[in-house]
């Protein structure tokens, strides 16, 4: 039931916009705040966005024009009525929230939403299974930054669409799960990451994921310490690309400490 709501453009009320995804900078990924707010971090983001939106001075009686929907719909998505915040209205229109995502890609957030709605991990993303919109011009939407003129065109993004999303990696999903406080998903990702550790990716995982997850850090440090002979071949320095990383020295010392402990 919840999974079918992921692409229901009539009931969504919260839009994620992506400031760091250069491939899809003008794309909105929509969801339902009553479902998102079951999770503490999302609840805090929603409350923050709601408070900021209420403080903006909007002209009374302003209503948006109706956007043209690609999938045949003839109205904007309506807000859910099952929570007090969703019932709130600004200037006589439903409260549509905008939440900026500046750390993760569209594909990663799709994977996050799929887990929240379905309780399943999905790394291969099919855009047609989500409520995704492309910005054009002229429609007035209200976001946390005030009033912006923007129209919304719904694009189901079928398999024939030119829009393609690359598969999400366990590393990307794990970082997002940790950031949004999805403990169960983070645990799943940690186990999967530990299972794919190799000589070619261990250093990268140590810095990109281990700095945010103690469990991943410990497993990766243990792996590097155990395979130091294969990683340090000749004058090769596997840490070279991370020499300017603020945690580089600490990571190297930790690896050496674990290596020394194993020898003792």
C-alpha atoms as a PDB file:
ATOM      1  CA  UNK A   1       0.000   0.000   0.000  1.00  0.00           C
ATOM      2  CA  UNK A   2       2.687   2.504   1.015  1.00  0.00           C
ATOM      3  CA  UNK A   3       4.801   1.567  -2.002  1.00  0.00           C
ATOM      4  CA  UNK A   4       2.015   2.613  -4.375  1.00  0.00           C
ATOM      5  CA  UNK A   5       1.974   6.046  -2.728  1.00  0.00           C
ATOM      6  CA  UNK A   6       5.536   6.699  -3.886  1.00  0.00           C
ATOM      7  CA  UNK A   7       4.280   7.649  -7.342  1.00  0.00           C
ATOM      8  CA  UNK A   8       0.896   9.091  -6.351  1.00  0.00           C
ATOM      9  CA  UNK A   9       1.189  12.690  -7.531  1.00  0.00           C
ATOM     10  CA  UNK A  10      -2.214  13.591  -6.040  1.00  0.00           C
ATOM     11  CA  UNK A  11      -1.272  13.071  -2.397  1.00  0.00           C
ATOM     12  CA  UNK A  12       2.395  14.131  -2.126  1.00  0.00           C
ATOM     13  CA  UNK A  13       3.154  17.307  -0.185  1.00  0.00           C
ATOM     14  CA  UNK A  14       6.926  17.447   0.378  1.00  0.00           C
ATOM     15  CA  UNK A  15       9.500  18.030  -2.334  1.00  0.00           C
ATOM     16  CA  UNK A  16      13.215  17.217  -2.128  1.00  0.00           C
ATOM     17  CA  UNK A  17      15.361  19.394  -4.392  1.00  0.00           C
ATOM     18  CA  UNK A  18      18.987  18.614  -5.136  1.00  0.00           C
ATOM     19  CA  UNK A  19      21.673  21.257  -4.855  1.00  0.00           C
ATOM     20  CA  UNK A  20      24.612  18.865  -5.229  1.00  0.00           C
ATOM     21  CA  UNK A  21      23.348  16.614  -8.034  1.00  0.00           C
ATOM     22  CA  UNK A  22      24.557  18.430 -11.155  1.00  0.00           C
ATOM     23  CA  UNK A  23      22.883  15.875 -13.403  1.00  0.00           C
ATOM     24  CA  UNK A  24      19.405  16.658 -12.056  1.00  0.00           C
ATOM     25  CA  UNK A  25      19.570  20.196 -10.604  1.00  0.00           C
ATOM     26  CA  UNK A  26      16.028  21.123 -11.677  1.00  0.00           C
ATOM     27  CA  UNK A  27      14.300  17.977 -10.454  1.00  0.00           C
ATOM     28  CA  UNK A  28      11.951  17.508  -7.522  1.00  0.00           C
ATOM     29  CA  UNK A  29      11.424  14.191  -5.740  1.00  0.00           C
ATOM     30  CA  UNK A  30       8.112  14.170  -3.890  1.00  0.00           C
ATOM     31  CA  UNK A  31       6.944  12.319  -0.776  1.00  0.00           C
ATOM     32  CA  UNK A  32       4.460  12.492   2.113  1.00  0.00           C
ATOM     33  CA  UNK A  33       5.346  14.249   5.333  1.00  0.00           C
ATOM     34  CA  UNK A  34       3.063  11.991   7.415  1.00  0.00           C
ATOM     35  CA  UNK A  35       5.196   9.028   6.355  1.00  0.00           C
ATOM     36  CA  UNK A  36       8.543  10.805   6.529  1.00  0.00           C
ATOM     37  CA  UNK A  37       7.834  12.253   9.976  1.00  0.00           C
ATOM     38  CA  UNK A  38       7.818   8.773  11.508  1.00  0.00           C
ATOM     39  CA  UNK A  39      11.588   9.117  11.428  1.00  0.00           C
ATOM     40  CA  UNK A  40      13.152  11.661  13.784  1.00  0.00           C
ATOM     41  CA  UNK A  41      15.584  13.374  11.395  1.00  0.00           C
ATOM     42  CA  UNK A  42      12.942  13.814   8.703  1.00  0.00           C
ATOM     43  CA  UNK A  43      10.457  15.025  11.316  1.00  0.00           C
ATOM     44  CA  UNK A  44      12.962  17.690  12.388  1.00  0.00           C
ATOM     45  CA  UNK A  45      13.569  18.735   8.769  1.00  0.00           C
ATOM     46  CA  UNK A  46       9.822  18.990   8.170  1.00  0.00           C
ATOM     47  CA  UNK A  47       9.231  21.035  11.329  1.00  0.00           C
ATOM     48  CA  UNK A  48      12.097  23.367  10.406  1.00  0.00           C
ATOM     49  CA  UNK A  49      10.783  23.837   6.870  1.00  0.00           C
ATOM     50  CA  UNK A  50       7.252  24.406   8.169  1.00  0.00           C
ATOM     51  CA  UNK A  51       8.357  27.067  10.655  1.00  0.00           C
ATOM     52  CA  UNK A  52      10.429  28.859   8.029  1.00  0.00           C
ATOM     53  CA  UNK A  53       7.543  28.778   5.599  1.00  0.00           C
ATOM     54  CA  UNK A  54       5.106  30.222   8.149  1.00  0.00           C
ATOM     55  CA  UNK A  55       7.399  33.186   8.773  1.00  0.00           C
ATOM     56  CA  UNK A  56       7.495  34.258   5.127  1.00  0.00           C
ATOM     57  CA  UNK A  57       5.232  37.162   4.275  1.00  0.00           C
ATOM     58  CA  UNK A  58       3.027  35.926   1.460  1.00  0.00           C
ATOM     59  CA  UNK A  59       0.243  38.034  -0.131  1.00  0.00           C
ATOM     60  CA  UNK A  60      -3.219  36.937   0.994  1.00  0.00           C
ATOM     61  CA  UNK A  61      -5.483  35.208  -1.484  1.00  0.00           C
ATOM     62  CA  UNK A  62      -2.728  34.194  -3.906  1.00  0.00           C
ATOM     63  CA  UNK A  63      -3.400  30.885  -5.618  1.00  0.00           C
ATOM     64  CA  UNK A  64      -1.183  29.049  -8.089  1.00  0.00           C
ATOM     65  CA  UNK A  65      -2.179  28.404 -11.657  1.00  0.00           C
ATOM     66  CA  UNK A  66      -2.766  24.784 -12.519  1.00  0.00           C
ATOM     67  CA  UNK A  67       0.234  23.078 -14.086  1.00  0.00           C
ATOM     68  CA  UNK A  68      -0.081  20.699 -16.981  1.00  0.00           C
ATOM     69  CA  UNK A  69       0.524  17.128 -15.911  1.00  0.00           C
ATOM     70  CA  UNK A  70       2.284  14.728 -18.271  1.00  0.00           C
ATOM     71  CA  UNK A  71       0.483  11.722 -16.818  1.00  0.00           C
ATOM     72  CA  UNK A  72      -2.988  13.104 -17.383  1.00  0.00           C
ATOM     73  CA  UNK A  73      -3.525  14.573 -13.924  1.00  0.00           C
ATOM     74  CA  UNK A  74      -5.174  17.991 -13.914  1.00  0.00           C
ATOM     75  CA  UNK A  75      -4.341  19.389 -10.495  1.00  0.00           C
ATOM     76  CA  UNK A  76      -1.463  19.972  -8.136  1.00  0.00           C
ATOM     77  CA  UNK A  77      -0.707  17.277  -5.567  1.00  0.00           C
ATOM     78  CA  UNK A  78      -2.900  17.739  -2.507  1.00  0.00           C
ATOM     79  CA  UNK A  79      -1.599  17.648   1.043  1.00  0.00           C
ATOM     80  CA  UNK A  80      -2.362  14.737   3.282  1.00  0.00           C
ATOM     81  CA  UNK A  81      -5.018  15.431   5.915  1.00  0.00           C
ATOM     82  CA  UNK A  82      -3.847  12.939   8.524  1.00  0.00           C
ATOM     83  CA  UNK A  83      -1.578  15.300  10.469  1.00  0.00           C
ATOM     84  CA  UNK A  84      -2.049  18.771  11.905  1.00  0.00           C
ATOM     85  CA  UNK A  85       0.947  20.171  10.027  1.00  0.00           C
ATOM     86  CA  UNK A  86      -0.414  18.867   6.725  1.00  0.00           C
ATOM     87  CA  UNK A  87      -3.709  20.681   7.353  1.00  0.00           C
ATOM     88  CA  UNK A  88      -1.980  24.028   7.726  1.00  0.00           C
ATOM     89  CA  UNK A  89      -2.430  26.427   4.841  1.00  0.00           C
ATOM     90  CA  UNK A  90      -0.390  29.399   3.692  1.00  0.00           C
ATOM     91  CA  UNK A  91      -2.230  32.146   1.820  1.00  0.00           C
ATOM     92  CA  UNK A  92      -5.200  29.873   1.198  1.00  0.00           C
ATOM     93  CA  UNK A  93      -3.170  27.145  -0.525  1.00  0.00           C
ATOM     94  CA  UNK A  94      -2.027  23.720   0.744  1.00  0.00           C
ATOM     95  CA  UNK A  95       1.290  23.792   2.548  1.00  0.00           C
ATOM     96  CA  UNK A  96       3.803  22.313   0.113  1.00  0.00           C
ATOM     97  CA  UNK A  97       7.220  21.969   1.684  1.00  0.00           C
ATOM     98  CA  UNK A  98      10.601  22.076  -0.017  1.00  0.00           C
ATOM     99  CA  UNK A  99      13.606  20.368   1.579  1.00  0.00           C
ATOM    100  CA  UNK A 100      17.043  20.873   0.074  1.00  0.00           C
ATOM    101  CA  UNK A 101      19.350  17.877  -0.297  1.00  0.00           C
ATOM    102  CA  UNK A 102      22.965  18.956  -0.625  1.00  0.00           C
ATOM    103  CA  UNK A 103      24.825  15.745   0.227  1.00  0.00           C
ATOM    104  CA  UNK A 104      23.150  13.019  -1.807  1.00  0.00           C
ATOM    105  CA  UNK A 105      22.019  12.292  -5.350  1.00  0.00           C
ATOM    106  CA  UNK A 106      18.502  11.879  -6.702  1.00  0.00           C
ATOM    107  CA  UNK A 107      19.083   8.124  -7.069  1.00  0.00           C
ATOM    108  CA  UNK A 108      20.268   7.771  -3.469  1.00  0.00           C
ATOM    109  CA  UNK A 109      17.221   9.626  -2.131  1.00  0.00           C
ATOM    110  CA  UNK A 110      14.948   7.448  -4.245  1.00  0.00           C
ATOM    111  CA  UNK A 111      16.558   4.431  -2.591  1.00  0.00           C
ATOM    112  CA  UNK A 112      16.065   6.019   0.846  1.00  0.00           C
ATOM    113  CA  UNK A 113      12.376   6.670   0.140  1.00  0.00           C
ATOM    114  CA  UNK A 114      11.877   3.149  -1.178  1.00  0.00           C
ATOM    115  CA  UNK A 115      13.218   1.740   2.097  1.00  0.00           C
ATOM    116  CA  UNK A 116      11.007   4.059   4.176  1.00  0.00           C
ATOM    117  CA  UNK A 117       7.871   3.188   2.223  1.00  0.00           C
ATOM    118  CA  UNK A 118       8.492  -0.515   1.497  1.00  0.00           C
ATOM    119  CA  UNK A 119      11.003  -1.655   4.119  1.00  0.00           C
ATOM    120  CA  UNK A 120      13.178  -3.087   1.354  1.00  0.00           C
ATOM    121  CA  UNK A 121      16.579  -2.125  -0.029  1.00  0.00           C
ATOM    122  CA  UNK A 122      16.621  -1.147  -3.695  1.00  0.00           C
ATOM    123  CA  UNK A 123      19.853  -0.148  -5.424  1.00  0.00           C
ATOM    124  CA  UNK A 124      18.568  -0.153  -9.017  1.00  0.00           C
ATOM    125  CA  UNK A 125      16.233   2.823  -9.366  1.00  0.00           C
ATOM    126  CA  UNK A 126      13.368   3.038 -11.858  1.00  0.00           C
ATOM    127  CA  UNK A 127      12.201   6.688 -11.928  1.00  0.00           C
ATOM    128  CA  UNK A 128       8.716   5.708 -13.101  1.00  0.00           C
ATOM    129  CA  UNK A 129       8.102   4.261  -9.618  1.00  0.00           C
ATOM    130  CA  UNK A 130       8.483   7.681  -7.975  1.00  0.00           C
ATOM    131  CA  UNK A 131       6.767  11.083  -8.068  1.00  0.00           C
ATOM    132  CA  UNK A 132       9.409  13.126  -9.875  1.00  0.00           C
ATOM    133  CA  UNK A 133       8.875  16.547 -11.404  1.00  0.00           C
ATOM    134  CA  UNK A 134      10.902  18.785 -13.711  1.00  0.00           C
ATOM    135  CA  UNK A 135      10.869  22.551 -13.255  1.00  0.00           C
ATOM    136  CA  UNK A 136       9.831  24.814 -16.108  1.00  0.00           C
ATOM    137  CA  UNK A 137       8.451  28.327 -15.397  1.00  0.00           C
ATOM    138  CA  UNK A 138       5.466  30.474 -14.268  1.00  0.00           C
ATOM    139  CA  UNK A 139       3.782  28.524 -11.428  1.00  0.00           C
ATOM    140  CA  UNK A 140       4.082  30.107  -7.971  1.00  0.00           C
ATOM    141  CA  UNK A 141       5.334  27.598  -5.419  1.00  0.00           C
ATOM    142  CA  UNK A 142       6.110  28.451  -1.814  1.00  0.00           C
ATOM    143  CA  UNK A 143       9.350  27.080  -0.387  1.00  0.00           C
ATOM    144  CA  UNK A 144      11.517  27.628   2.663  1.00  0.00           C
ATOM    145  CA  UNK A 145      13.349  30.459   0.920  1.00  0.00           C
ATOM    146  CA  UNK A 146      10.195  32.455   0.172  1.00  0.00           C
ATOM    147  CA  UNK A 147       8.262  32.758  -3.070  1.00  0.00           C
ATOM    148  CA  UNK A 148       9.802  31.448  -6.252  1.00  0.00           C
ATOM    149  CA  UNK A 149       8.177  31.456  -9.671  1.00  0.00           C
ATOM    150  CA  UNK A 150       8.296  27.965 -11.033  1.00  0.00           C
ATOM    151  CA  UNK A 151       5.958  25.535 -12.804  1.00  0.00           C
ATOM    152  CA  UNK A 152       5.945  21.827 -12.204  1.00  0.00           C
ATOM    153  CA  UNK A 153       5.640  19.268 -14.983  1.00  0.00           C
ATOM    154  CA  UNK A 154       5.179  15.682 -13.899  1.00  0.00           C
ATOM    155  CA  UNK A 155       7.371  13.262 -15.795  1.00  0.00           C
ATOM    156  CA  UNK A 156       6.752   9.551 -15.159  1.00  0.00           C
ATOM    157  CA  UNK A 157      10.191   8.800 -16.625  1.00  0.00           C
ATOM    158  CA  UNK A 158       9.368   5.531 -18.337  1.00  0.00           C
ATOM    159  CA  UNK A 159      11.994   2.971 -19.283  1.00  0.00           C
ATOM    160  CA  UNK A 160      12.155   4.628 -22.698  1.00  0.00           C
ATOM    161  CA  UNK A 161      12.953   7.998 -21.169  1.00  0.00           C
ATOM    162  CA  UNK A 162      16.295   9.661 -21.771  1.00  0.00           C
ATOM    163  CA  UNK A 163      16.536  10.052 -18.002  1.00  0.00           C
ATOM    164  CA  UNK A 164      18.647   7.270 -16.549  1.00  0.00           C
ATOM    165  CA  UNK A 165      19.724   6.907 -12.943  1.00  0.00           C
ATOM    166  CA  UNK A 166      22.837   4.937 -12.130  1.00  0.00           C
ATOM    167  CA  UNK A 167      22.617   2.216  -9.508  1.00  0.00           C
ATOM    168  CA  UNK A 168      23.165   3.342  -5.938  1.00  0.00           C
ATOM    169  CA  UNK A 169      26.216   1.892  -4.185  1.00  0.00           C
ATOM    170  CA  UNK A 170      26.172   0.453  -0.677  1.00  0.00           C
ATOM    171  CA  UNK A 171      28.612   3.175   0.329  1.00  0.00           C
ATOM    172  CA  UNK A 172      26.320   5.964  -0.894  1.00  0.00           C
ATOM    173  CA  UNK A 173      23.240   4.417   0.672  1.00  0.00           C
ATOM    174  CA  UNK A 174      25.039   3.762   3.950  1.00  0.00           C
ATOM    175  CA  UNK A 175      26.128   7.386   4.256  1.00  0.00           C
ATOM    176  CA  UNK A 176      22.589   8.596   3.562  1.00  0.00           C
ATOM    177  CA  UNK A 177      21.082   6.120   6.031  1.00  0.00           C
ATOM    178  CA  UNK A 178      23.499   7.311   8.711  1.00  0.00           C
ATOM    179  CA  UNK A 179      22.773  10.973   7.936  1.00  0.00           C
ATOM    180  CA  UNK A 180      18.991  10.542   8.111  1.00  0.00           C
ATOM    181  CA  UNK A 181      19.084   8.358  11.207  1.00  0.00           C
ATOM    182  CA  UNK A 182      17.760   5.192   9.569  1.00  0.00           C
ATOM    183  CA  UNK A 183      19.482   2.743  11.914  1.00  0.00           C
ATOM    184  CA  UNK A 184      18.104  -0.457  10.418  1.00  0.00           C
ATOM    185  CA  UNK A 185      19.147   0.522   6.914  1.00  0.00           C
ATOM    186  CA  UNK A 186      22.554   1.711   8.118  1.00  0.00           C
ATOM    187  CA  UNK A 187      23.158  -1.695   9.730  1.00  0.00           C
ATOM    188  CA  UNK A 188      22.239  -3.489   6.508  1.00  0.00           C
ATOM    189  CA  UNK A 189      24.612  -1.273   4.535  1.00  0.00           C
ATOM    190  CA  UNK A 190      27.452  -1.790   7.026  1.00  0.00           C
ATOM    191  CA  UNK A 191      27.186  -5.571   6.629  1.00  0.00           C
ATOM    192  CA  UNK A 192      27.110  -5.321   2.845  1.00  0.00           C
ATOM    193  CA  UNK A 193      30.091  -2.939   2.757  1.00  0.00           C
ATOM    194  CA  UNK A 194      32.085  -5.305   4.969  1.00  0.00           C
ATOM    195  CA  UNK A 195      31.334  -8.061   2.481  1.00  0.00           C
ATOM    196  CA  UNK A 196      32.668  -6.166  -0.532  1.00  0.00           C
ATOM    197  CA  UNK A 197      35.944  -4.951   0.992  1.00  0.00           C
ATOM    198  CA  UNK A 198      38.848  -5.545  -1.366  1.00  0.00           C
ATOM    199  CA  UNK A 199      42.391  -4.331  -1.946  1.00  0.00           C
ATOM    200  CA  UNK A 200      41.100  -1.932  -4.594  1.00  0.00           C
ATOM    201  CA  UNK A 201      38.414  -0.232  -2.524  1.00  0.00           C
ATOM    202  CA  UNK A 202      39.426  -0.568   1.141  1.00  0.00           C
ATOM    203  CA  UNK A 203      41.240   2.776   1.400  1.00  0.00           C
ATOM    204  CA  UNK A 204      38.429   4.614  -0.357  1.00  0.00           C
ATOM    205  CA  UNK A 205      35.816   3.036   1.933  1.00  0.00           C
ATOM    206  CA  UNK A 206      37.922   3.825   4.994  1.00  0.00           C
ATOM    207  CA  UNK A 207      37.893   7.566   4.294  1.00  0.00           C
ATOM    208  CA  UNK A 208      34.559   8.037   2.555  1.00  0.00           C
ATOM    209  CA  UNK A 209      32.482   5.787   4.790  1.00  0.00           C
ATOM    210  CA  UNK A 210      34.628   4.922   7.797  1.00  0.00           C
ATOM    211  CA  UNK A 211      34.830   8.563   8.847  1.00  0.00           C
ATOM    212  CA  UNK A 212      31.061   8.475   9.377  1.00  0.00           C
ATOM    213  CA  UNK A 213      30.586   4.923  10.659  1.00  0.00           C
ATOM    214  CA  UNK A 214      32.621   3.419  13.478  1.00  0.00           C
ATOM    215  CA  UNK A 215      31.595  -0.128  12.538  1.00  0.00           C
ATOM    216  CA  UNK A 216      32.729   0.309   8.936  1.00  0.00           C
ATOM    217  CA  UNK A 217      35.920   2.005  10.117  1.00  0.00           C
ATOM    218  CA  UNK A 218      36.825  -0.880  12.434  1.00  0.00           C
ATOM    219  CA  UNK A 219      36.197  -3.575   9.827  1.00  0.00           C
ATOM    220  CA  UNK A 220      38.077  -1.633   7.156  1.00  0.00           C
ATOM    221  CA  UNK A 221      41.055  -0.875   9.392  1.00  0.00           C
ATOM    222  CA  UNK A 222      41.263  -4.559  10.318  1.00  0.00           C
ATOM    223  CA  UNK A 223      41.147  -5.502   6.632  1.00  0.00           C
ATOM    224  CA  UNK A 224      43.879  -3.014   5.655  1.00  0.00           C
ATOM    225  CA  UNK A 225      46.103  -4.108   8.540  1.00  0.00           C
ATOM    226  CA  UNK A 226      45.715  -7.728   7.482  1.00  0.00           C
ATOM    227  CA  UNK A 227      46.509  -7.007   3.818  1.00  0.00           C
ATOM    228  CA  UNK A 228      49.209  -4.375   4.195  1.00  0.00           C
ATOM    229  CA  UNK A 229      51.719  -6.495   2.309  1.00  0.00           C
ATOM    230  CA  UNK A 230      49.510  -6.484  -0.788  1.00  0.00           C
ATOM    231  CA  UNK A 231      48.591  -2.816  -0.471  1.00  0.00           C
ATOM    232  CA  UNK A 232      52.124  -1.482   0.041  1.00  0.00           C
ATOM    233  CA  UNK A 233      53.896  -2.863  -3.021  1.00  0.00           C
ATOM    234  CA  UNK A 234      57.298  -1.350  -3.769  1.00  0.00           C
ATOM    235  CA  UNK A 235      57.081   2.409  -3.267  1.00  0.00           C
ATOM    236  CA  UNK A 236      53.302   2.454  -3.674  1.00  0.00           C
ATOM    237  CA  UNK A 237      51.497   4.524  -1.038  1.00  0.00           C
ATOM    238  CA  UNK A 238      47.793   3.577  -0.967  1.00  0.00           C
ATOM    239  CA  UNK A 239      47.070   6.604   1.236  1.00  0.00           C
ATOM    240  CA  UNK A 240      48.531   9.076  -1.291  1.00  0.00           C
ATOM    241  CA  UNK A 241      45.197  10.280  -2.687  1.00  0.00           C
ATOM    242  CA  UNK A 242      43.994  11.050   0.839  1.00  0.00           C
ATOM    243  CA  UNK A 243      47.169  12.692   2.149  1.00  0.00           C
ATOM    244  CA  UNK A 244      45.357  16.029   2.546  1.00  0.00           C
ATOM    245  CA  UNK A 245      42.340  14.469   4.227  1.00  0.00           C
ATOM    246  CA  UNK A 246      42.011  15.808   7.819  1.00  0.00           C
ATOM    247  CA  UNK A 247      41.705  12.259   9.168  1.00  0.00           C
ATOM    248  CA  UNK A 248      44.602  10.796   7.168  1.00  0.00           C
ATOM    249  CA  UNK A 249      47.177  10.774   9.975  1.00  0.00           C
ATOM    250  CA  UNK A 250      44.722   9.313  12.486  1.00  0.00           C
ATOM    251  CA  UNK A 251      43.707   6.576  10.048  1.00  0.00           C
ATOM    252  CA  UNK A 252      47.305   5.613   9.287  1.00  0.00           C
ATOM    253  CA  UNK A 253      48.143   5.461  13.007  1.00  0.00           C
ATOM    254  CA  UNK A 254      45.047   3.334  13.645  1.00  0.00           C
ATOM    255  CA  UNK A 255      46.049   0.876  10.916  1.00  0.00           C
ATOM    256  CA  UNK A 256      49.603   0.649  12.306  1.00  0.00           C
ATOM    257  CA  UNK A 257      48.274   0.152  15.822  1.00  0.00           C
ATOM    258  CA  UNK A 258      46.020  -2.707  14.729  1.00  0.00           C
ATOM    259  CA  UNK A 259      48.845  -4.235  12.711  1.00  0.00           C
ATOM    260  CA  UNK A 260      51.175  -4.102  15.718  1.00  0.00           C
ATOM    261  CA  UNK A 261      48.487  -5.658  17.922  1.00  0.00           C
ATOM    262  CA  UNK A 262      48.039  -8.550  15.489  1.00  0.00           C
ATOM    263  CA  UNK A 263      51.810  -9.227  15.542  1.00  0.00           C
ATOM    264  CA  UNK A 264      52.000  -9.218  19.341  1.00  0.00           C
END
